[in-house]
């Protein structure tokens, strides 16, 4: 079991459309360190990748290997720009939007 709940910050934003279509960029940070980043064609897939990356990072902090990071869940719906608690099996972490995410969510 885990003593302290790690906190990660995240960013998810649309990229400018191009010939490939609309894409969504995501990032996960632990403090000022970039843990993982990527992009997907759909916002839902980007959020899923973000959750899996946070699950992997949570397990690594505990000295474990995540067997099924894609199964990490939140209690409610994951809405970009909100703080959520992510349940990764027996472990959990908190995802907090980065200041850039909060500004983008407030403008939308």
PDB file of N, CA and C in Angstrom:
ATOM      1  N   UNK A   1       0.838  -1.177   0.000  1.00  0.00           N
ATOM      2  CA  UNK A   1       0.000   0.000   0.000  1.00  0.00           C
ATOM      3  C   UNK A   1       0.877   1.232   0.000  1.00  0.00           C
ATOM      4  N   UNK A   2       0.347   2.309  -0.411  1.00  0.00           N
ATOM      5  CA  UNK A   2       1.077   3.536  -0.619  1.00  0.00           C
ATOM      6  C   UNK A   2       0.777   4.513   0.510  1.00  0.00           C
ATOM      7  N   UNK A   3       1.823   5.196   1.034  1.00  0.00           N
ATOM      8  CA  UNK A   3       1.634   6.143   2.130  1.00  0.00           C
ATOM      9  C   UNK A   3       1.155   7.500   1.618  1.00  0.00           C
ATOM     10  N   UNK A   4       1.983   8.192   0.851  1.00  0.00           N
ATOM     11  CA  UNK A   4       1.633   9.506   0.327  1.00  0.00           C
ATOM     12  C   UNK A   4       1.080   9.357  -1.088  1.00  0.00           C
ATOM     13  N   UNK A   5       0.051  10.117  -1.386  1.00  0.00           N
ATOM     14  CA  UNK A   5      -0.559  10.060  -2.708  1.00  0.00           C
ATOM     15  C   UNK A   5       0.200  11.028  -3.627  1.00  0.00           C
ATOM     16  N   UNK A   6       0.835  10.515  -4.681  1.00  0.00           N
ATOM     17  CA  UNK A   6       1.573  11.411  -5.576  1.00  0.00           C
ATOM     18  C   UNK A   6       0.625  12.308  -6.364  1.00  0.00           C
ATOM     19  N   UNK A   7       1.095  13.507  -6.657  1.00  0.00           N
ATOM     20  CA  UNK A   7       0.321  14.466  -7.430  1.00  0.00           C
ATOM     21  C   UNK A   7       1.054  14.745  -8.733  1.00  0.00           C
ATOM     22  N   UNK A   8       0.331  14.628  -9.819  1.00  0.00           N
ATOM     23  CA  UNK A   8       0.861  14.922 -11.147  1.00  0.00           C
ATOM     24  C   UNK A   8       0.051  16.065 -11.732  1.00  0.00           C
ATOM     25  N   UNK A   9       0.701  16.883 -12.545  1.00  0.00           N
ATOM     26  CA  UNK A   9      -0.030  17.912 -13.270  1.00  0.00           C
ATOM     27  C   UNK A   9      -0.146  17.451 -14.718  1.00  0.00           C
ATOM     28  N   UNK A  10      -1.191  17.902 -15.389  1.00  0.00           N
ATOM     29  CA  UNK A  10      -1.416  17.460 -16.761  1.00  0.00           C
ATOM     30  C   UNK A  10      -1.854  18.621 -17.645  1.00  0.00           C
ATOM     31  N   UNK A  11      -1.707  18.399 -18.942  1.00  0.00           N
ATOM     32  CA  UNK A  11      -2.146  19.343 -19.955  1.00  0.00           C
ATOM     33  C   UNK A  11      -2.742  18.533 -21.091  1.00  0.00           C
ATOM     34  N   UNK A  12      -3.901  18.921 -21.556  1.00  0.00           N
ATOM     35  CA  UNK A  12      -4.497  18.308 -22.738  1.00  0.00           C
ATOM     36  C   UNK A  12      -5.100  19.440 -23.552  1.00  0.00           C
ATOM     37  N   UNK A  13      -4.680  19.542 -24.817  1.00  0.00           N
ATOM     38  CA  UNK A  13      -5.126  20.653 -25.646  1.00  0.00           C
ATOM     39  C   UNK A  13      -5.199  20.237 -27.102  1.00  0.00           C
ATOM     40  N   UNK A  14      -6.069  20.903 -27.870  1.00  0.00           N
ATOM     41  CA  UNK A  14      -6.142  20.593 -29.298  1.00  0.00           C
ATOM     42  C   UNK A  14      -4.969  21.215 -30.040  1.00  0.00           C
ATOM     43  N   UNK A  15      -4.479  20.517 -31.025  1.00  0.00           N
ATOM     44  CA  UNK A  15      -3.459  21.054 -31.920  1.00  0.00           C
ATOM     45  C   UNK A  15      -4.169  21.656 -33.132  1.00  0.00           C
ATOM     46  N   UNK A  16      -3.498  22.525 -33.827  1.00  0.00           N
ATOM     47  CA  UNK A  16      -4.088  23.139 -35.018  1.00  0.00           C
ATOM     48  C   UNK A  16      -4.411  22.058 -36.047  1.00  0.00           C
ATOM     49  N   UNK A  17      -5.570  22.160 -36.689  1.00  0.00           N
ATOM     50  CA  UNK A  17      -5.918  21.154 -37.696  1.00  0.00           C
ATOM     51  C   UNK A  17      -4.952  21.202 -38.878  1.00  0.00           C
ATOM     52  N   UNK A  18      -4.709  20.058 -39.453  1.00  0.00           N
ATOM     53  CA  UNK A  18      -3.887  19.971 -40.657  1.00  0.00           C
ATOM     54  C   UNK A  18      -4.463  18.878 -41.543  1.00  0.00           C
ATOM     55  N   UNK A  19      -3.707  18.421 -42.535  1.00  0.00           N
ATOM     56  CA  UNK A  19      -4.232  17.410 -43.450  1.00  0.00           C
ATOM     57  C   UNK A  19      -4.555  16.092 -42.758  1.00  0.00           C
ATOM     58  N   UNK A  20      -4.008  15.864 -41.562  1.00  0.00           N
ATOM     59  CA  UNK A  20      -4.321  14.644 -40.812  1.00  0.00           C
ATOM     60  C   UNK A  20      -5.622  14.774 -40.027  1.00  0.00           C
ATOM     61  N   UNK A  21      -6.101  15.995 -39.860  1.00  0.00           N
ATOM     62  CA  UNK A  21      -7.323  16.227 -39.094  1.00  0.00           C
ATOM     63  C   UNK A  21      -7.009  16.842 -37.740  1.00  0.00           C
ATOM     64  N   UNK A  22      -7.973  16.810 -36.855  1.00  0.00           N
ATOM     65  CA  UNK A  22      -7.815  17.364 -35.513  1.00  0.00           C
ATOM     66  C   UNK A  22      -7.035  16.389 -34.654  1.00  0.00           C
ATOM     67  N   UNK A  23      -6.063  16.909 -33.898  1.00  0.00           N
ATOM     68  CA  UNK A  23      -5.282  16.080 -32.994  1.00  0.00           C
ATOM     69  C   UNK A  23      -5.275  16.722 -31.613  1.00  0.00           C
ATOM     70  N   UNK A  24      -5.073  15.903 -30.587  1.00  0.00           N
ATOM     71  CA  UNK A  24      -5.032  16.369 -29.199  1.00  0.00           C
ATOM     72  C   UNK A  24      -3.692  16.018 -28.593  1.00  0.00           C
ATOM     73  N   UNK A  25      -3.022  17.010 -28.007  1.00  0.00           N
ATOM     74  CA  UNK A  25      -1.740  16.798 -27.346  1.00  0.00           C
ATOM     75  C   UNK A  25      -1.976  16.668 -25.850  1.00  0.00           C
ATOM     76  N   UNK A  26      -1.249  15.733 -25.224  1.00  0.00           N
ATOM     77  CA  UNK A  26      -1.352  15.550 -23.772  1.00  0.00           C
ATOM     78  C   UNK A  26       0.045  15.475 -23.166  1.00  0.00           C
ATOM     79  N   UNK A  27       0.150  15.895 -21.902  1.00  0.00           N
ATOM     80  CA  UNK A  27       1.406  15.838 -21.155  1.00  0.00           C
ATOM     81  C   UNK A  27       1.101  15.524 -19.700  1.00  0.00           C
ATOM     82  N   UNK A  28       1.995  14.790 -19.066  1.00  0.00           N
ATOM     83  CA  UNK A  28       1.923  14.514 -17.633  1.00  0.00           C
ATOM     84  C   UNK A  28       3.242  14.956 -17.017  1.00  0.00           C
ATOM     85  N   UNK A  29       3.174  15.758 -15.947  1.00  0.00           N
ATOM     86  CA  UNK A  29       4.360  16.261 -15.263  1.00  0.00           C
ATOM     87  C   UNK A  29       4.326  15.834 -13.800  1.00  0.00           C
ATOM     88  N   UNK A  30       5.495  15.574 -13.247  1.00  0.00           N
ATOM     89  CA  UNK A  30       5.639  15.345 -11.805  1.00  0.00           C
ATOM     90  C   UNK A  30       6.571  16.442 -11.324  1.00  0.00           C
ATOM     91  N   UNK A  31       6.024  17.433 -10.652  1.00  0.00           N
ATOM     92  CA  UNK A  31       6.794  18.631 -10.338  1.00  0.00           C
ATOM     93  C   UNK A  31       7.051  19.358 -11.644  1.00  0.00           C
ATOM     94  N   UNK A  32       8.300  19.679 -11.897  1.00  0.00           N
ATOM     95  CA  UNK A  32       8.658  20.336 -13.160  1.00  0.00           C
ATOM     96  C   UNK A  32       9.198  19.359 -14.196  1.00  0.00           C
ATOM     97  N   UNK A  33       9.178  18.063 -13.873  1.00  0.00           N
ATOM     98  CA  UNK A  33       9.708  17.051 -14.776  1.00  0.00           C
ATOM     99  C   UNK A  33       8.598  16.474 -15.650  1.00  0.00           C
ATOM    100  N   UNK A  34       8.842  16.445 -16.946  1.00  0.00           N
ATOM    101  CA  UNK A  34       7.907  15.839 -17.880  1.00  0.00           C
ATOM    102  C   UNK A  34       8.010  14.321 -17.756  1.00  0.00           C
ATOM    103  N   UNK A  35       6.905  13.678 -17.413  1.00  0.00           N
ATOM    104  CA  UNK A  35       6.873  12.226 -17.236  1.00  0.00           C
ATOM    105  C   UNK A  35       6.558  11.533 -18.556  1.00  0.00           C
ATOM    106  N   UNK A  36       5.554  12.054 -19.266  1.00  0.00           N
ATOM    107  CA  UNK A  36       5.141  11.457 -20.540  1.00  0.00           C
ATOM    108  C   UNK A  36       4.376  12.492 -21.350  1.00  0.00           C
ATOM    109  N   UNK A  37       4.373  12.300 -22.665  1.00  0.00           N
ATOM    110  CA  UNK A  37       3.649  13.197 -23.555  1.00  0.00           C
ATOM    111  C   UNK A  37       3.322  12.451 -24.839  1.00  0.00           C
ATOM    112  N   UNK A  38       2.362  12.954 -25.565  1.00  0.00           N
ATOM    113  CA  UNK A  38       1.996  12.351 -26.838  1.00  0.00           C
ATOM    114  C   UNK A  38       0.818  13.062 -27.453  1.00  0.00           C
ATOM    115  N   UNK A  39       0.282  12.482 -28.515  1.00  0.00           N
ATOM    116  CA  UNK A  39      -0.905  13.042 -29.138  1.00  0.00           C
ATOM    117  C   UNK A  39      -1.757  11.915 -29.707  1.00  0.00           C
ATOM    118  N   UNK A  40      -3.041  12.220 -29.874  1.00  0.00           N
ATOM    119  CA  UNK A  40      -4.001  11.273 -30.448  1.00  0.00           C
ATOM    120  C   UNK A  40      -4.975  12.031 -31.323  1.00  0.00           C
ATOM    121  N   UNK A  41      -5.681  11.308 -32.182  1.00  0.00           N
ATOM    122  CA  UNK A  41      -6.669  11.934 -33.050  1.00  0.00           C
ATOM    123  C   UNK A  41      -7.939  12.323 -32.313  1.00  0.00           C
ATOM    124  N   UNK A  42      -8.251  11.659 -31.224  1.00  0.00           N
ATOM    125  CA  UNK A  42      -9.464  11.952 -30.476  1.00  0.00           C
ATOM    126  C   UNK A  42      -9.155  12.382 -29.053  1.00  0.00           C
ATOM    127  N   UNK A  43     -10.012  13.247 -28.515  1.00  0.00           N
ATOM    128  CA  UNK A  43      -9.817  13.714 -27.144  1.00  0.00           C
ATOM    129  C   UNK A  43      -9.953  12.563 -26.151  1.00  0.00           C
ATOM    130  N   UNK A  44     -10.900  11.669 -26.395  1.00  0.00           N
ATOM    131  CA  UNK A  44     -11.114  10.523 -25.499  1.00  0.00           C
ATOM    132  C   UNK A  44      -9.878   9.625 -25.437  1.00  0.00           C
ATOM    133  N   UNK A  45      -9.243   9.376 -26.593  1.00  0.00           N
ATOM    134  CA  UNK A  45      -8.041   8.554 -26.624  1.00  0.00           C
ATOM    135  C   UNK A  45      -6.878   9.266 -25.934  1.00  0.00           C
ATOM    136  N   UNK A  46      -6.792  10.584 -26.081  1.00  0.00           N
ATOM    137  CA  UNK A  46      -5.738  11.350 -25.417  1.00  0.00           C
ATOM    138  C   UNK A  46      -5.897  11.279 -23.903  1.00  0.00           C
ATOM    139  N   UNK A  47      -7.125  11.381 -23.413  1.00  0.00           N
ATOM    140  CA  UNK A  47      -7.372  11.284 -21.971  1.00  0.00           C
ATOM    141  C   UNK A  47      -7.022   9.878 -21.477  1.00  0.00           C
ATOM    142  N   UNK A  48      -7.356   8.861 -22.250  1.00  0.00           N
ATOM    143  CA  UNK A  48      -7.003   7.484 -21.877  1.00  0.00           C
ATOM    144  C   UNK A  48      -5.493   7.285 -21.805  1.00  0.00           C
ATOM    145  N   UNK A  49      -4.760   7.846 -22.759  1.00  0.00           N
ATOM    146  CA  UNK A  49      -3.304   7.739 -22.747  1.00  0.00           C
ATOM    147  C   UNK A  49      -2.717   8.492 -21.560  1.00  0.00           C
ATOM    148  N   UNK A  50      -3.297   9.630 -21.238  1.00  0.00           N
ATOM    149  CA  UNK A  50      -2.851  10.419 -20.079  1.00  0.00           C
ATOM    150  C   UNK A  50      -3.045   9.624 -18.788  1.00  0.00           C
ATOM    151  N   UNK A  51      -4.211   8.985 -18.638  1.00  0.00           N
ATOM    152  CA  UNK A  51      -4.477   8.162 -17.446  1.00  0.00           C
ATOM    153  C   UNK A  51      -3.488   7.006 -17.353  1.00  0.00           C
ATOM    154  N   UNK A  52      -3.217   6.333 -18.472  1.00  0.00           N
ATOM    155  CA  UNK A  52      -2.287   5.199 -18.468  1.00  0.00           C
ATOM    156  C   UNK A  52      -0.873   5.659 -18.098  1.00  0.00           C
ATOM    157  N   UNK A  53      -0.451   6.810 -18.615  1.00  0.00           N
ATOM    158  CA  UNK A  53       0.886   7.330 -18.299  1.00  0.00           C
ATOM    159  C   UNK A  53       0.998   7.682 -16.821  1.00  0.00           C
ATOM    160  N   UNK A  54      -0.047   8.276 -16.257  1.00  0.00           N
ATOM    161  CA  UNK A  54      -0.036   8.611 -14.827  1.00  0.00           C
ATOM    162  C   UNK A  54      -0.016   7.337 -13.982  1.00  0.00           C
ATOM    163  N   UNK A  55      -0.722   6.306 -14.420  1.00  0.00           N
ATOM    164  CA  UNK A  55      -0.719   5.032 -13.702  1.00  0.00           C
ATOM    165  C   UNK A  55       0.678   4.411 -13.715  1.00  0.00           C
ATOM    166  N   UNK A  56       1.335   4.414 -14.878  1.00  0.00           N
ATOM    167  CA  UNK A  56       2.703   3.889 -14.961  1.00  0.00           C
ATOM    168  C   UNK A  56       3.640   4.649 -14.026  1.00  0.00           C
ATOM    169  N   UNK A  57       3.544   5.984 -14.034  1.00  0.00           N
ATOM    170  CA  UNK A  57       4.412   6.810 -13.190  1.00  0.00           C
ATOM    171  C   UNK A  57       4.141   6.560 -11.713  1.00  0.00           C
ATOM    172  N   UNK A  58       2.885   6.376 -11.333  1.00  0.00           N
ATOM    173  CA  UNK A  58       2.531   6.087  -9.939  1.00  0.00           C
ATOM    174  C   UNK A  58       3.141   4.769  -9.499  1.00  0.00           C
ATOM    175  N   UNK A  59       3.039   3.757 -10.344  1.00  0.00           N
ATOM    176  CA  UNK A  59       3.631   2.458 -10.025  1.00  0.00           C
ATOM    177  C   UNK A  59       5.149   2.551  -9.929  1.00  0.00           C
ATOM    178  N   UNK A  60       5.773   3.296 -10.836  1.00  0.00           N
ATOM    179  CA  UNK A  60       7.233   3.441 -10.793  1.00  0.00           C
ATOM    180  C   UNK A  60       7.681   4.120  -9.502  1.00  0.00           C
ATOM    181  N   UNK A  61       6.933   5.126  -9.031  1.00  0.00           N
ATOM    182  CA  UNK A  61       7.275   5.788  -7.772  1.00  0.00           C
ATOM    183  C   UNK A  61       7.201   4.817  -6.594  1.00  0.00           C
ATOM    184  N   UNK A  62       6.315   3.821  -6.694  1.00  0.00           N
ATOM    185  CA  UNK A  62       6.175   2.822  -5.638  1.00  0.00           C
ATOM    186  C   UNK A  62       7.145   1.648  -5.835  1.00  0.00           C
ATOM    187  N   UNK A  63       7.953   1.708  -6.906  1.00  0.00           N
ATOM    188  CA  UNK A  63       8.911   0.629  -7.169  1.00  0.00           C
ATOM    189  C   UNK A  63       8.272  -0.585  -7.809  1.00  0.00           C
ATOM    190  N   UNK A  64       7.160  -0.397  -8.499  1.00  0.00           N
ATOM    191  CA  UNK A  64       6.431  -1.501  -9.116  1.00  0.00           C
ATOM    192  C   UNK A  64       6.312  -1.294 -10.617  1.00  0.00           C
ATOM    193  N   UNK A  65       5.897  -2.332 -11.314  1.00  0.00           N
ATOM    194  CA  UNK A  65       5.609  -2.237 -12.741  1.00  0.00           C
ATOM    195  C   UNK A  65       4.099  -2.352 -12.919  1.00  0.00           C
ATOM    196  N   UNK A  66       3.514  -1.412 -13.641  1.00  0.00           N
ATOM    197  CA  UNK A  66       2.068  -1.441 -13.897  1.00  0.00           C
ATOM    198  C   UNK A  66       1.772  -2.527 -14.925  1.00  0.00           C
ATOM    199  N   UNK A  67       0.937  -3.489 -14.554  1.00  0.00           N
ATOM    200  CA  UNK A  67       0.599  -4.570 -15.477  1.00  0.00           C
ATOM    201  C   UNK A  67      -0.465  -4.147 -16.486  1.00  0.00           C
ATOM    202  N   UNK A  68      -1.447  -3.377 -16.046  1.00  0.00           N
ATOM    203  CA  UNK A  68      -2.524  -2.919 -16.928  1.00  0.00           C
ATOM    204  C   UNK A  68      -2.806  -1.447 -16.671  1.00  0.00           C
ATOM    205  N   UNK A  69      -1.896  -0.552 -17.081  1.00  0.00           N
ATOM    206  CA  UNK A  69      -2.097   0.868 -16.795  1.00  0.00           C
ATOM    207  C   UNK A  69      -3.328   1.450 -17.481  1.00  0.00           C
ATOM    208  N   UNK A  70      -3.773   0.838 -18.556  1.00  0.00           N
ATOM    209  CA  UNK A  70      -4.957   1.336 -19.273  1.00  0.00           C
ATOM    210  C   UNK A  70      -6.245   1.124 -18.481  1.00  0.00           C
ATOM    211  N   UNK A  71      -6.192   0.357 -17.400  1.00  0.00           N
ATOM    212  CA  UNK A  71      -7.379   0.104 -16.565  1.00  0.00           C
ATOM    213  C   UNK A  71      -7.547   1.121 -15.445  1.00  0.00           C
ATOM    214  N   UNK A  72      -6.678   2.119 -15.357  1.00  0.00           N
ATOM    215  CA  UNK A  72      -6.792   3.155 -14.322  1.00  0.00           C
ATOM    216  C   UNK A  72      -8.111   3.910 -14.515  1.00  0.00           C
ATOM    217  N   UNK A  73      -8.795   4.171 -13.407  1.00  0.00           N
ATOM    218  CA  UNK A  73     -10.114   4.800 -13.483  1.00  0.00           C
ATOM    219  C   UNK A  73     -10.208   6.008 -12.554  1.00  0.00           C
ATOM    220  N   UNK A  74     -11.207   6.829 -12.817  1.00  0.00           N
ATOM    221  CA  UNK A  74     -11.560   7.932 -11.935  1.00  0.00           C
ATOM    222  C   UNK A  74     -12.959   7.665 -11.410  1.00  0.00           C
ATOM    223  N   UNK A  75     -13.331   8.316 -10.307  1.00  0.00           N
ATOM    224  CA  UNK A  75     -14.668   8.068  -9.748  1.00  0.00           C
ATOM    225  C   UNK A  75     -15.768   8.611 -10.642  1.00  0.00           C
ATOM    226  N   UNK A  76     -15.552   9.762 -11.178  1.00  0.00           N
ATOM    227  CA  UNK A  76     -16.540  10.354 -12.084  1.00  0.00           C
ATOM    228  C   UNK A  76     -15.972  10.439 -13.477  1.00  0.00           C
ATOM    229  N   UNK A  77     -16.540  11.321 -14.246  1.00  0.00           N
ATOM    230  CA  UNK A  77     -16.064  11.550 -15.602  1.00  0.00           C
ATOM    231  C   UNK A  77     -14.820  12.432 -15.558  1.00  0.00           C
ATOM    232  N   UNK A  78     -13.815  12.112 -16.355  1.00  0.00           N
ATOM    233  CA  UNK A  78     -12.595  12.903 -16.431  1.00  0.00           C
ATOM    234  C   UNK A  78     -12.859  14.042 -17.418  1.00  0.00           C
ATOM    235  N   UNK A  79     -12.988  15.249 -16.897  1.00  0.00           N
ATOM    236  CA  UNK A  79     -13.182  16.432 -17.728  1.00  0.00           C
ATOM    237  C   UNK A  79     -11.890  17.230 -17.698  1.00  0.00           C
ATOM    238  N   UNK A  80     -11.333  17.514 -18.874  1.00  0.00           N
ATOM    239  CA  UNK A  80     -10.082  18.276 -18.942  1.00  0.00           C
ATOM    240  C   UNK A  80     -10.247  19.606 -18.224  1.00  0.00           C
ATOM    241  N   UNK A  81      -9.261  19.947 -17.402  1.00  0.00           N
ATOM    242  CA  UNK A  81      -9.301  21.193 -16.654  1.00  0.00           C
ATOM    243  C   UNK A  81      -9.765  21.037 -15.219  1.00  0.00           C
ATOM    244  N   UNK A  82     -10.084  19.808 -14.814  1.00  0.00           N
ATOM    245  CA  UNK A  82     -10.518  19.561 -13.433  1.00  0.00           C
ATOM    246  C   UNK A  82      -9.498  18.677 -12.712  1.00  0.00           C
ATOM    247  N   UNK A  83      -9.507  18.746 -11.392  1.00  0.00           N
ATOM    248  CA  UNK A  83      -8.651  17.887 -10.567  1.00  0.00           C
ATOM    249  C   UNK A  83      -9.389  16.571 -10.340  1.00  0.00           C
ATOM    250  N   UNK A  84      -8.709  15.459 -10.579  1.00  0.00           N
ATOM    251  CA  UNK A  84      -9.322  14.143 -10.408  1.00  0.00           C
ATOM    252  C   UNK A  84      -8.377  13.221  -9.646  1.00  0.00           C
ATOM    253  N   UNK A  85      -8.975  12.248  -8.963  1.00  0.00           N
ATOM    254  CA  UNK A  85      -8.200  11.203  -8.301  1.00  0.00           C
ATOM    255  C   UNK A  85      -8.243   9.972  -9.192  1.00  0.00           C
ATOM    256  N   UNK A  86      -7.074   9.443  -9.492  1.00  0.00           N
ATOM    257  CA  UNK A  86      -6.948   8.301 -10.381  1.00  0.00           C
ATOM    258  C   UNK A  86      -6.672   7.057  -9.547  1.00  0.00           C
ATOM    259  N   UNK A  87      -7.469   6.012  -9.743  1.00  0.00           N
ATOM    260  CA  UNK A  87      -7.301   4.744  -9.034  1.00  0.00           C
ATOM    261  C   UNK A  87      -6.584   3.769  -9.958  1.00  0.00           C
ATOM    262  N   UNK A  88      -5.413   3.340  -9.531  1.00  0.00           N
ATOM    263  CA  UNK A  88      -4.552   2.455 -10.319  1.00  0.00           C
ATOM    264  C   UNK A  88      -4.393   1.140  -9.572  1.00  0.00           C
ATOM    265  N   UNK A  89      -5.436   0.359  -9.492  1.00  0.00           N
ATOM    266  CA  UNK A  89      -5.386  -0.861  -8.696  1.00  0.00           C
ATOM    267  C   UNK A  89      -5.326  -0.504  -7.226  1.00  0.00           C
ATOM    268  N   UNK A  90      -4.311  -0.982  -6.511  1.00  0.00           N
ATOM    269  CA  UNK A  90      -4.162  -0.686  -5.080  1.00  0.00           C
ATOM    270  C   UNK A  90      -3.558   0.697  -4.850  1.00  0.00           C
ATOM    271  N   UNK A  91      -3.039   1.315  -5.895  1.00  0.00           N
ATOM    272  CA  UNK A  91      -2.424   2.637  -5.783  1.00  0.00           C
ATOM    273  C   UNK A  91      -3.381   3.705  -6.300  1.00  0.00           C
ATOM    274  N   UNK A  92      -3.070   4.937  -5.936  1.00  0.00           N
ATOM    275  CA  UNK A  92      -3.845   6.049  -6.475  1.00  0.00           C
ATOM    276  C   UNK A  92      -2.960   7.274  -6.573  1.00  0.00           C
ATOM    277  N   UNK A  93      -3.403   8.232  -7.393  1.00  0.00           N
ATOM    278  CA  UNK A  93      -2.681   9.490  -7.547  1.00  0.00           C
ATOM    279  C   UNK A  93      -3.701  10.586  -7.829  1.00  0.00           C
ATOM    280  N   UNK A  94      -3.243  11.810  -7.778  1.00  0.00           N
ATOM    281  CA  UNK A  94      -4.103  12.955  -8.060  1.00  0.00           C
ATOM    282  C   UNK A  94      -3.572  13.642  -9.307  1.00  0.00           C
ATOM    283  N   UNK A  95      -4.476  13.944 -10.238  1.00  0.00           N
ATOM    284  CA  UNK A  95      -4.125  14.675 -11.452  1.00  0.00           C
ATOM    285  C   UNK A  95      -4.693  16.081 -11.342  1.00  0.00           C
ATOM    286  N   UNK A  96      -3.799  17.067 -11.412  1.00  0.00           N
ATOM    287  CA  UNK A  96      -4.169  18.476 -11.280  1.00  0.00           C
ATOM    288  C   UNK A  96      -3.831  19.175 -12.592  1.00  0.00           C
ATOM    289  N   UNK A  97      -4.745  19.982 -13.121  1.00  0.00           N
ATOM    290  CA  UNK A  97      -4.421  20.669 -14.376  1.00  0.00           C
ATOM    291  C   UNK A  97      -3.291  21.676 -14.190  1.00  0.00           C
ATOM    292  N   UNK A  98      -2.428  21.787 -15.196  1.00  0.00           N
ATOM    293  CA  UNK A  98      -1.367  22.790 -15.178  1.00  0.00           C
ATOM    294  C   UNK A  98      -1.997  24.169 -15.371  1.00  0.00           C
ATOM    295  N   UNK A  99      -1.307  25.227 -14.975  1.00  0.00           N
ATOM    296  CA  UNK A  99      -1.870  26.577 -15.133  1.00  0.00           C
ATOM    297  C   UNK A  99      -2.304  26.877 -16.569  1.00  0.00           C
ATOM    298  N   UNK A 100      -1.556  26.377 -17.569  1.00  0.00           N
ATOM    299  CA  UNK A 100      -1.950  26.588 -18.968  1.00  0.00           C
ATOM    300  C   UNK A 100      -3.287  25.921 -19.260  1.00  0.00           C
ATOM    301  N   UNK A 101      -3.527  24.751 -18.643  1.00  0.00           N
ATOM    302  CA  UNK A 101      -4.780  24.027 -18.837  1.00  0.00           C
ATOM    303  C   UNK A 101      -5.929  24.790 -18.216  1.00  0.00           C
ATOM    304  N   UNK A 102      -5.719  25.330 -17.040  1.00  0.00           N
ATOM    305  CA  UNK A 102      -6.769  26.080 -16.358  1.00  0.00           C
ATOM    306  C   UNK A 102      -7.140  27.323 -17.154  1.00  0.00           C
ATOM    307  N   UNK A 103      -6.154  28.002 -17.734  1.00  0.00           N
ATOM    308  CA  UNK A 103      -6.424  29.197 -18.528  1.00  0.00           C
ATOM    309  C   UNK A 103      -7.202  28.841 -19.784  1.00  0.00           C
ATOM    310  N   UNK A 104      -6.830  27.719 -20.435  1.00  0.00           N
ATOM    311  CA  UNK A 104      -7.528  27.274 -21.649  1.00  0.00           C
ATOM    312  C   UNK A 104      -8.959  26.854 -21.336  1.00  0.00           C
ATOM    313  N   UNK A 105      -9.173  26.187 -20.213  1.00  0.00           N
ATOM    314  CA  UNK A 105     -10.515  25.753 -19.820  1.00  0.00           C
ATOM    315  C   UNK A 105     -11.402  26.943 -19.474  1.00  0.00           C
ATOM    316  N   UNK A 106     -10.825  27.971 -18.850  1.00  0.00           N
ATOM    317  CA  UNK A 106     -11.592  29.164 -18.499  1.00  0.00           C
ATOM    318  C   UNK A 106     -11.990  29.949 -19.752  1.00  0.00           C
ATOM    319  N   UNK A 107     -11.137  29.922 -20.782  1.00  0.00           N
ATOM    320  CA  UNK A 107     -11.428  30.645 -22.028  1.00  0.00           C
ATOM    321  C   UNK A 107     -12.473  29.932 -22.871  1.00  0.00           C
ATOM    322  N   UNK A 108     -12.600  28.615 -22.699  1.00  0.00           N
ATOM    323  CA  UNK A 108     -13.534  27.836 -23.529  1.00  0.00           C
ATOM    324  C   UNK A 108     -14.968  27.988 -23.085  1.00  0.00           C
TER     325      UNK A 108
END
